[in-house]
Amino acid sequence: MLRTLKDLFDAFTAPPAGQSPADEAHALQLATAVLLVEVMRADPAINDAERDAVLLALRGKFSLRDDELERLLELAHETAHTAYDYQRFTSLLNERFTQAQKIQVVEAMWQVAYADDHLDAHENHVISKVAGLLHVTHGEYIAAKMRAREAAQPAP
């Protein structure tokens, strides 16, 4: 019985066999975008600065055209709205991303959180939760936070 339930769960969470490289790349892009959107959604006051930070992070990570970025962001919003946990997104990143790439995702999440010059407690919680699911150490998590905070501060 337990084995049957595990097989059923694996069938729902495993990528389809023979998935093309383009499909896999799109899945990684969407998973990353959803996590960034979740930080944005955690703040009760969503503003253009946070949206721009999400687009900037996605553009830097995936080198997409503006129309592709807009579509990815729209799809990420839709997906985030119906998602019940972060596991399905973080598990894909854990399988395909290096530790350095996962740290970059966490740093991008911090950049989104700091984009409006205000760190909301809910944003902090989302990033902390995701960093744990991505197996980012506490030291790596704090270093990413510090880099993002320094980048968000205006030059003297």
N, C-alpha and C. Protein backbone atom coordinates (compact mmCIF):
# COMPACT_ATOMS: atom_id res chain seq x y z
N MET A 1 0.83 -1.20 0.00
CA MET A 1 0.00 0.00 0.00
C MET A 1 0.87 1.25 0.00
N LEU A 2 1.84 1.30 0.92
CA LEU A 2 2.73 2.45 1.01
C LEU A 2 3.52 2.61 -0.29
N ARG A 3 3.98 1.52 -0.84
CA ARG A 3 4.74 1.56 -2.10
C ARG A 3 3.87 2.12 -3.22
N THR A 4 2.62 1.75 -3.28
CA THR A 4 1.70 2.23 -4.30
C THR A 4 1.50 3.73 -4.17
N LEU A 5 1.35 4.22 -2.95
CA LEU A 5 1.20 5.66 -2.74
C LEU A 5 2.45 6.41 -3.16
N LYS A 6 3.62 5.84 -2.86
CA LYS A 6 4.87 6.48 -3.26
C LYS A 6 4.98 6.52 -4.78
N ASP A 7 4.63 5.43 -5.45
CA ASP A 7 4.67 5.40 -6.91
C ASP A 7 3.73 6.45 -7.50
N LEU A 8 2.55 6.58 -6.91
CA LEU A 8 1.58 7.57 -7.39
C LEU A 8 2.13 8.98 -7.21
N PHE A 9 2.71 9.25 -6.04
CA PHE A 9 3.30 10.57 -5.78
C PHE A 9 4.43 10.85 -6.76
N ASP A 10 5.31 9.86 -6.98
CA ASP A 10 6.43 10.04 -7.90
C ASP A 10 5.95 10.32 -9.32
N ALA A 11 4.85 9.70 -9.71
CA ALA A 11 4.31 9.93 -11.05
C ALA A 11 3.86 11.37 -11.24
N PHE A 12 3.36 11.97 -10.17
CA PHE A 12 2.90 13.36 -10.26
C PHE A 12 4.05 14.36 -10.18
N THR A 13 5.13 14.01 -9.50
CA THR A 13 6.21 14.97 -9.29
C THR A 13 7.39 14.77 -10.23
N ALA A 14 7.52 13.61 -10.82
CA ALA A 14 8.66 13.36 -11.70
C ALA A 14 8.46 14.04 -13.05
N PRO A 15 9.55 14.55 -13.65
CA PRO A 15 9.41 15.12 -14.97
C PRO A 15 9.09 14.03 -15.98
N PRO A 16 8.34 14.36 -17.01
CA PRO A 16 8.00 13.35 -18.00
C PRO A 16 9.24 12.77 -18.65
N ALA A 17 9.20 11.48 -18.93
CA ALA A 17 10.32 10.83 -19.59
C ALA A 17 10.51 11.43 -20.97
N GLY A 18 11.76 11.61 -21.35
CA GLY A 18 12.03 12.15 -22.66
C GLY A 18 11.77 13.64 -22.77
N GLN A 19 11.77 14.34 -21.66
CA GLN A 19 11.53 15.78 -21.68
C GLN A 19 12.66 16.44 -22.46
N SER A 20 12.29 17.33 -23.38
CA SER A 20 13.29 17.99 -24.21
C SER A 20 14.10 18.98 -23.37
N PRO A 21 15.31 19.30 -23.82
CA PRO A 21 16.11 20.30 -23.11
C PRO A 21 15.39 21.65 -23.00
N ALA A 22 14.64 22.01 -24.02
CA ALA A 22 13.90 23.28 -23.98
C ALA A 22 12.81 23.23 -22.91
N ASP A 23 12.13 22.10 -22.79
CA ASP A 23 11.10 21.95 -21.76
C ASP A 23 11.71 21.99 -20.37
N GLU A 24 12.86 21.34 -20.22
CA GLU A 24 13.54 21.35 -18.92
C GLU A 24 14.00 22.76 -18.57
N ALA A 25 14.54 23.48 -19.56
CA ALA A 25 14.98 24.86 -19.32
C ALA A 25 13.80 25.72 -18.91
N HIS A 26 12.66 25.53 -19.58
CA HIS A 26 11.47 26.31 -19.24
C HIS A 26 11.01 25.99 -17.82
N ALA A 27 11.06 24.72 -17.44
CA ALA A 27 10.64 24.33 -16.09
C ALA A 27 11.54 24.98 -15.04
N LEU A 28 12.85 25.04 -15.30
CA LEU A 28 13.78 25.69 -14.37
C LEU A 28 13.51 27.19 -14.30
N GLN A 29 13.24 27.80 -15.44
CA GLN A 29 12.92 29.23 -15.47
C GLN A 29 11.65 29.51 -14.68
N LEU A 30 10.64 28.69 -14.89
CA LEU A 30 9.38 28.89 -14.18
C LEU A 30 9.54 28.68 -12.68
N ALA A 31 10.26 27.64 -12.29
CA ALA A 31 10.47 27.38 -10.86
C ALA A 31 11.17 28.55 -10.20
N THR A 32 12.20 29.08 -10.85
CA THR A 32 12.92 30.23 -10.32
C THR A 32 12.01 31.45 -10.24
N ALA A 33 11.27 31.69 -11.31
CA ALA A 33 10.37 32.85 -11.35
C ALA A 33 9.30 32.76 -10.27
N VAL A 34 8.75 31.59 -10.05
CA VAL A 34 7.72 31.42 -9.02
C VAL A 34 8.28 31.77 -7.65
N LEU A 35 9.48 31.33 -7.35
CA LEU A 35 10.07 31.62 -6.04
C LEU A 35 10.30 33.12 -5.87
N LEU A 36 10.71 33.80 -6.93
CA LEU A 36 10.88 35.26 -6.86
C LEU A 36 9.54 35.96 -6.69
N VAL A 37 8.54 35.48 -7.40
CA VAL A 37 7.19 36.06 -7.29
C VAL A 37 6.63 35.84 -5.89
N GLU A 38 6.94 34.70 -5.28
CA GLU A 38 6.46 34.44 -3.93
C GLU A 38 6.99 35.46 -2.93
N VAL A 39 8.22 35.91 -3.12
CA VAL A 39 8.76 36.96 -2.25
C VAL A 39 7.97 38.24 -2.47
N MET A 40 7.72 38.56 -3.71
CA MET A 40 6.96 39.76 -4.05
C MET A 40 5.56 39.68 -3.47
N ARG A 41 4.93 38.53 -3.56
CA ARG A 41 3.56 38.36 -3.04
C ARG A 41 3.51 38.37 -1.52
N ALA A 42 4.62 38.06 -0.87
CA ALA A 42 4.65 38.03 0.59
C ALA A 42 4.52 39.43 1.19
N ASP A 43 4.93 40.43 0.43
CA ASP A 43 4.82 41.82 0.89
C ASP A 43 3.41 42.30 0.60
N PRO A 44 2.70 42.79 1.62
CA PRO A 44 1.33 43.26 1.39
C PRO A 44 1.24 44.41 0.39
N ALA A 45 2.33 45.16 0.24
CA ALA A 45 2.33 46.30 -0.68
C ALA A 45 3.26 46.01 -1.86
N ILE A 46 2.73 45.34 -2.87
CA ILE A 46 3.52 45.04 -4.07
C ILE A 46 3.67 46.32 -4.87
N ASN A 47 4.91 46.60 -5.30
CA ASN A 47 5.12 47.80 -6.10
C ASN A 47 5.98 47.50 -7.32
N ASP A 48 6.14 48.52 -8.15
CA ASP A 48 6.89 48.34 -9.40
C ASP A 48 8.36 48.01 -9.15
N ALA A 49 8.93 48.51 -8.07
CA ALA A 49 10.34 48.24 -7.79
C ALA A 49 10.58 46.74 -7.59
N GLU A 50 9.67 46.08 -6.90
CA GLU A 50 9.81 44.63 -6.69
C GLU A 50 9.62 43.88 -8.01
N ARG A 51 8.65 44.29 -8.78
CA ARG A 51 8.41 43.66 -10.08
C ARG A 51 9.63 43.83 -10.97
N ASP A 52 10.20 45.03 -10.99
CA ASP A 52 11.40 45.29 -11.78
C ASP A 52 12.57 44.44 -11.31
N ALA A 53 12.68 44.24 -10.00
CA ALA A 53 13.75 43.40 -9.45
C ALA A 53 13.60 41.95 -9.89
N VAL A 54 12.36 41.47 -9.94
CA VAL A 54 12.12 40.11 -10.43
C VAL A 54 12.54 40.00 -11.89
N LEU A 55 12.12 40.96 -12.71
CA LEU A 55 12.48 40.94 -14.13
C LEU A 55 13.99 41.03 -14.33
N LEU A 56 14.65 41.89 -13.57
CA LEU A 56 16.10 42.04 -13.67
C LEU A 56 16.81 40.74 -13.30
N ALA A 57 16.37 40.09 -12.24
CA ALA A 57 16.98 38.82 -11.82
C ALA A 57 16.78 37.75 -12.88
N LEU A 58 15.58 37.67 -13.43
CA LEU A 58 15.30 36.65 -14.45
C LEU A 58 16.08 36.94 -15.74
N ARG A 59 16.18 38.20 -16.10
CA ARG A 59 16.93 38.59 -17.30
C ARG A 59 18.41 38.21 -17.12
N GLY A 60 18.96 38.49 -15.96
CA GLY A 60 20.36 38.16 -15.71
C GLY A 60 20.63 36.68 -15.65
N LYS A 61 19.69 35.93 -15.11
CA LYS A 61 19.88 34.48 -14.95
C LYS A 61 19.67 33.71 -16.24
N PHE A 62 18.67 34.14 -17.03
CA PHE A 62 18.28 33.33 -18.18
C PHE A 62 18.43 34.00 -19.54
N SER A 63 18.83 35.26 -19.60
CA SER A 63 19.06 35.96 -20.87
C SER A 63 17.86 35.85 -21.81
N LEU A 64 16.69 36.21 -21.31
CA LEU A 64 15.46 36.14 -22.10
C LEU A 64 15.14 37.51 -22.69
N ARG A 65 14.39 37.50 -23.80
CA ARG A 65 13.90 38.74 -24.40
C ARG A 65 12.80 39.32 -23.52
N ASP A 66 12.50 40.59 -23.71
CA ASP A 66 11.49 41.27 -22.89
C ASP A 66 10.12 40.58 -22.97
N ASP A 67 9.71 40.17 -24.17
CA ASP A 67 8.40 39.52 -24.30
C ASP A 67 8.40 38.16 -23.60
N GLU A 68 9.52 37.45 -23.64
CA GLU A 68 9.63 36.17 -22.94
C GLU A 68 9.60 36.38 -21.42
N LEU A 69 10.26 37.43 -20.97
CA LEU A 69 10.25 37.75 -19.54
C LEU A 69 8.85 38.07 -19.05
N GLU A 70 8.13 38.86 -19.82
CA GLU A 70 6.76 39.23 -19.43
C GLU A 70 5.87 38.00 -19.36
N ARG A 71 5.99 37.12 -20.33
CA ARG A 71 5.18 35.89 -20.34
C ARG A 71 5.57 34.98 -19.17
N LEU A 72 6.87 34.88 -18.91
CA LEU A 72 7.33 34.06 -17.78
C LEU A 72 6.81 34.63 -16.46
N LEU A 73 6.84 35.94 -16.32
CA LEU A 73 6.35 36.56 -15.09
C LEU A 73 4.85 36.34 -14.93
N GLU A 74 4.12 36.45 -16.01
CA GLU A 74 2.67 36.21 -15.98
C GLU A 74 2.38 34.76 -15.57
N LEU A 75 3.09 33.84 -16.18
CA LEU A 75 2.91 32.42 -15.87
C LEU A 75 3.33 32.12 -14.42
N ALA A 76 4.38 32.77 -13.96
CA ALA A 76 4.83 32.58 -12.57
C ALA A 76 3.78 33.07 -11.59
N HIS A 77 3.14 34.20 -11.89
CA HIS A 77 2.06 34.69 -11.03
C HIS A 77 0.92 33.68 -10.96
N GLU A 78 0.52 33.16 -12.12
CA GLU A 78 -0.58 32.19 -12.17
C GLU A 78 -0.20 30.92 -11.40
N THR A 79 1.01 30.45 -11.60
CA THR A 79 1.46 29.23 -10.94
C THR A 79 1.59 29.44 -9.43
N ALA A 80 2.14 30.58 -9.02
CA ALA A 80 2.30 30.87 -7.59
C ALA A 80 0.94 30.96 -6.91
N HIS A 81 -0.02 31.50 -7.62
CA HIS A 81 -1.36 31.67 -7.04
C HIS A 81 -2.01 30.33 -6.71
N THR A 82 -1.70 29.30 -7.49
CA THR A 82 -2.31 27.99 -7.28
C THR A 82 -1.40 27.01 -6.53
N ALA A 83 -0.16 27.41 -6.27
CA ALA A 83 0.79 26.51 -5.59
C ALA A 83 0.44 26.39 -4.11
N TYR A 84 0.56 25.21 -3.59
CA TYR A 84 0.26 24.98 -2.18
C TYR A 84 1.52 24.83 -1.34
N ASP A 85 2.68 24.69 -1.98
CA ASP A 85 3.95 24.64 -1.25
C ASP A 85 5.09 24.99 -2.20
N TYR A 86 6.29 25.06 -1.65
CA TYR A 86 7.47 25.41 -2.45
C TYR A 86 8.23 24.17 -2.91
N GLN A 87 7.90 23.03 -2.37
CA GLN A 87 8.66 21.81 -2.61
C GLN A 87 8.77 21.44 -4.09
N ARG A 88 7.70 21.59 -4.83
CA ARG A 88 7.77 21.19 -6.24
C ARG A 88 8.71 22.07 -7.03
N PHE A 89 8.93 23.29 -6.58
CA PHE A 89 9.85 24.21 -7.28
C PHE A 89 11.28 24.01 -6.79
N THR A 90 11.45 23.90 -5.48
CA THR A 90 12.80 23.74 -4.94
C THR A 90 13.39 22.37 -5.28
N SER A 91 12.56 21.35 -5.38
CA SER A 91 13.10 20.02 -5.70
C SER A 91 13.69 20.01 -7.11
N LEU A 92 13.06 20.71 -8.03
CA LEU A 92 13.60 20.79 -9.39
C LEU A 92 14.93 21.54 -9.39
N LEU A 93 15.00 22.63 -8.66
CA LEU A 93 16.26 23.39 -8.59
C LEU A 93 17.34 22.57 -7.88
N ASN A 94 16.97 21.81 -6.87
CA ASN A 94 17.95 20.95 -6.18
C ASN A 94 18.52 19.89 -7.12
N GLU A 95 17.71 19.40 -8.02
CA GLU A 95 18.16 18.38 -8.96
C GLU A 95 19.07 18.94 -10.04
N ARG A 96 18.80 20.16 -10.49
CA ARG A 96 19.46 20.68 -11.69
C ARG A 96 20.48 21.80 -11.44
N PHE A 97 20.36 22.52 -10.34
CA PHE A 97 21.25 23.65 -10.09
C PHE A 97 22.42 23.24 -9.21
N THR A 98 23.54 23.90 -9.43
CA THR A 98 24.68 23.73 -8.54
C THR A 98 24.39 24.50 -7.25
N GLN A 99 25.21 24.29 -6.24
CA GLN A 99 25.04 25.03 -4.99
C GLN A 99 25.17 26.53 -5.24
N ALA A 100 26.12 26.92 -6.07
CA ALA A 100 26.31 28.35 -6.38
C ALA A 100 25.08 28.93 -7.06
N GLN A 101 24.45 28.18 -7.94
CA GLN A 101 23.24 28.66 -8.61
C GLN A 101 22.08 28.80 -7.63
N LYS A 102 21.99 27.88 -6.69
CA LYS A 102 20.93 27.97 -5.68
C LYS A 102 21.16 29.19 -4.78
N ILE A 103 22.40 29.47 -4.46
CA ILE A 103 22.71 30.66 -3.67
C ILE A 103 22.33 31.91 -4.46
N GLN A 104 22.57 31.90 -5.76
CA GLN A 104 22.18 33.04 -6.60
C GLN A 104 20.67 33.26 -6.58
N VAL A 105 19.91 32.18 -6.56
CA VAL A 105 18.45 32.31 -6.47
C VAL A 105 18.06 32.95 -5.15
N VAL A 106 18.68 32.51 -4.06
CA VAL A 106 18.39 33.09 -2.74
C VAL A 106 18.78 34.57 -2.73
N GLU A 107 19.92 34.89 -3.31
CA GLU A 107 20.34 36.30 -3.37
C GLU A 107 19.35 37.12 -4.19
N ALA A 108 18.87 36.57 -5.29
CA ALA A 108 17.87 37.28 -6.11
C ALA A 108 16.58 37.49 -5.32
N MET A 109 16.22 36.51 -4.49
CA MET A 109 15.04 36.67 -3.65
C MET A 109 15.23 37.84 -2.68
N TRP A 110 16.43 37.94 -2.10
CA TRP A 110 16.73 39.06 -1.21
C TRP A 110 16.67 40.38 -1.98
N GLN A 111 17.16 40.39 -3.22
CA GLN A 111 17.11 41.61 -4.02
C GLN A 111 15.68 42.07 -4.25
N VAL A 112 14.79 41.12 -4.47
CA VAL A 112 13.37 41.46 -4.62
C VAL A 112 12.84 42.04 -3.31
N ALA A 113 13.19 41.41 -2.21
CA ALA A 113 12.71 41.88 -0.90
C ALA A 113 13.20 43.28 -0.58
N TYR A 114 14.43 43.59 -0.93
CA TYR A 114 15.00 44.90 -0.64
C TYR A 114 14.67 45.96 -1.69
N ALA A 115 14.05 45.58 -2.78
CA ALA A 115 13.79 46.51 -3.88
C ALA A 115 12.95 47.71 -3.47
N ASP A 116 12.05 47.53 -2.53
CA ASP A 116 11.18 48.64 -2.12
C ASP A 116 11.70 49.34 -0.86
N ASP A 117 12.96 49.10 -0.52
CA ASP A 117 13.60 49.73 0.65
C ASP A 117 12.94 49.35 1.97
N HIS A 118 12.21 48.25 1.98
CA HIS A 118 11.56 47.79 3.21
C HIS A 118 11.54 46.27 3.20
N LEU A 119 12.10 45.67 4.23
CA LEU A 119 12.08 44.22 4.36
C LEU A 119 10.91 43.83 5.24
N ASP A 120 9.93 43.19 4.65
CA ASP A 120 8.75 42.74 5.38
C ASP A 120 9.06 41.40 6.05
N ALA A 121 8.49 41.16 7.21
CA ALA A 121 8.71 39.91 7.95
C ALA A 121 8.25 38.70 7.14
N HIS A 122 7.20 38.86 6.36
CA HIS A 122 6.71 37.75 5.53
C HIS A 122 7.70 37.42 4.42
N GLU A 123 8.32 38.45 3.85
CA GLU A 123 9.35 38.21 2.82
C GLU A 123 10.51 37.44 3.44
N ASN A 124 10.94 37.87 4.61
CA ASN A 124 12.03 37.21 5.32
C ASN A 124 11.70 35.73 5.55
N HIS A 125 10.47 35.46 5.96
CA HIS A 125 10.04 34.08 6.22
C HIS A 125 10.08 33.23 4.95
N VAL A 126 9.57 33.77 3.85
CA VAL A 126 9.56 33.03 2.58
C VAL A 126 10.98 32.68 2.16
N ILE A 127 11.87 33.67 2.22
CA ILE A 127 13.25 33.43 1.79
C ILE A 127 13.93 32.41 2.70
N SER A 128 13.71 32.51 3.99
CA SER A 128 14.28 31.56 4.94
C SER A 128 13.80 30.15 4.65
N LYS A 129 12.51 30.00 4.41
CA LYS A 129 11.92 28.69 4.12
C LYS A 129 12.51 28.10 2.84
N VAL A 130 12.56 28.91 1.78
CA VAL A 130 13.08 28.44 0.49
C VAL A 130 14.56 28.09 0.60
N ALA A 131 15.33 28.93 1.29
CA ALA A 131 16.77 28.65 1.46
C ALA A 131 16.97 27.30 2.13
N GLY A 132 16.16 26.99 3.12
CA GLY A 132 16.25 25.69 3.78
C GLY A 132 15.92 24.56 2.83
N LEU A 133 14.89 24.74 2.03
CA LEU A 133 14.50 23.70 1.07
C LEU A 133 15.55 23.51 -0.03
N LEU A 134 16.31 24.58 -0.32
CA LEU A 134 17.37 24.50 -1.33
C LEU A 134 18.70 24.01 -0.73
N HIS A 135 18.69 23.70 0.56
CA HIS A 135 19.90 23.22 1.26
C HIS A 135 21.02 24.26 1.22
N VAL A 136 20.64 25.52 1.31
CA VAL A 136 21.60 26.62 1.42
C VAL A 136 21.94 26.75 2.90
N THR A 137 23.21 26.74 3.22
CA THR A 137 23.61 26.82 4.63
C THR A 137 23.26 28.20 5.19
N HIS A 138 23.23 28.28 6.51
CA HIS A 138 22.91 29.56 7.14
C HIS A 138 23.94 30.63 6.77
N GLY A 139 25.20 30.24 6.71
CA GLY A 139 26.25 31.18 6.32
C GLY A 139 26.07 31.70 4.90
N GLU A 140 25.72 30.79 3.99
CA GLU A 140 25.47 31.19 2.59
C GLU A 140 24.24 32.08 2.50
N TYR A 141 23.24 31.76 3.28
CA TYR A 141 21.99 32.53 3.34
C TYR A 141 22.27 33.96 3.81
N ILE A 142 23.03 34.10 4.88
CA ILE A 142 23.36 35.42 5.43
C ILE A 142 24.24 36.20 4.46
N ALA A 143 25.22 35.54 3.85
CA ALA A 143 26.10 36.21 2.88
C ALA A 143 25.29 36.73 1.69
N ALA A 144 24.34 35.94 1.21
CA ALA A 144 23.48 36.37 0.11
C ALA A 144 22.64 37.57 0.53
N LYS A 145 22.14 37.54 1.74
CA LYS A 145 21.35 38.66 2.27
C LYS A 145 22.18 39.93 2.33
N MET A 146 23.40 39.81 2.83
CA MET A 146 24.28 40.98 2.96
C MET A 146 24.64 41.55 1.59
N ARG A 147 24.93 40.70 0.62
CA ARG A 147 25.25 41.19 -0.74
C ARG A 147 24.06 41.91 -1.33
N ALA A 148 22.87 41.37 -1.15
CA ALA A 148 21.66 42.00 -1.69
C ALA A 148 21.39 43.33 -0.99
N ARG A 149 21.59 43.37 0.32
CA ARG A 149 21.35 44.61 1.05
C ARG A 149 22.34 45.69 0.63
N GLU A 150 23.61 45.31 0.47
CA GLU A 150 24.62 46.27 0.02
C GLU A 150 24.30 46.78 -1.38
N ALA A 151 23.86 45.90 -2.26
CA ALA A 151 23.52 46.30 -3.63
C ALA A 151 22.31 47.23 -3.65
N ALA A 152 21.42 47.09 -2.69
CA ALA A 152 20.20 47.90 -2.65
C ALA A 152 20.44 49.29 -2.10
N GLN A 153 21.53 49.46 -1.34
CA GLN A 153 21.81 50.76 -0.74
C GLN A 153 22.40 51.70 -1.79
N PRO A 154 21.93 52.95 -1.80
CA PRO A 154 22.47 53.90 -2.77
C PRO A 154 23.94 54.21 -2.47
N ALA A 155 24.67 54.48 -3.53
CA ALA A 155 26.09 54.81 -3.38
C ALA A 155 26.23 56.16 -2.69
N PRO A 156 27.24 56.31 -1.82
CA PRO A 156 27.41 57.59 -1.09
C PRO A 156 27.84 58.72 -1.98
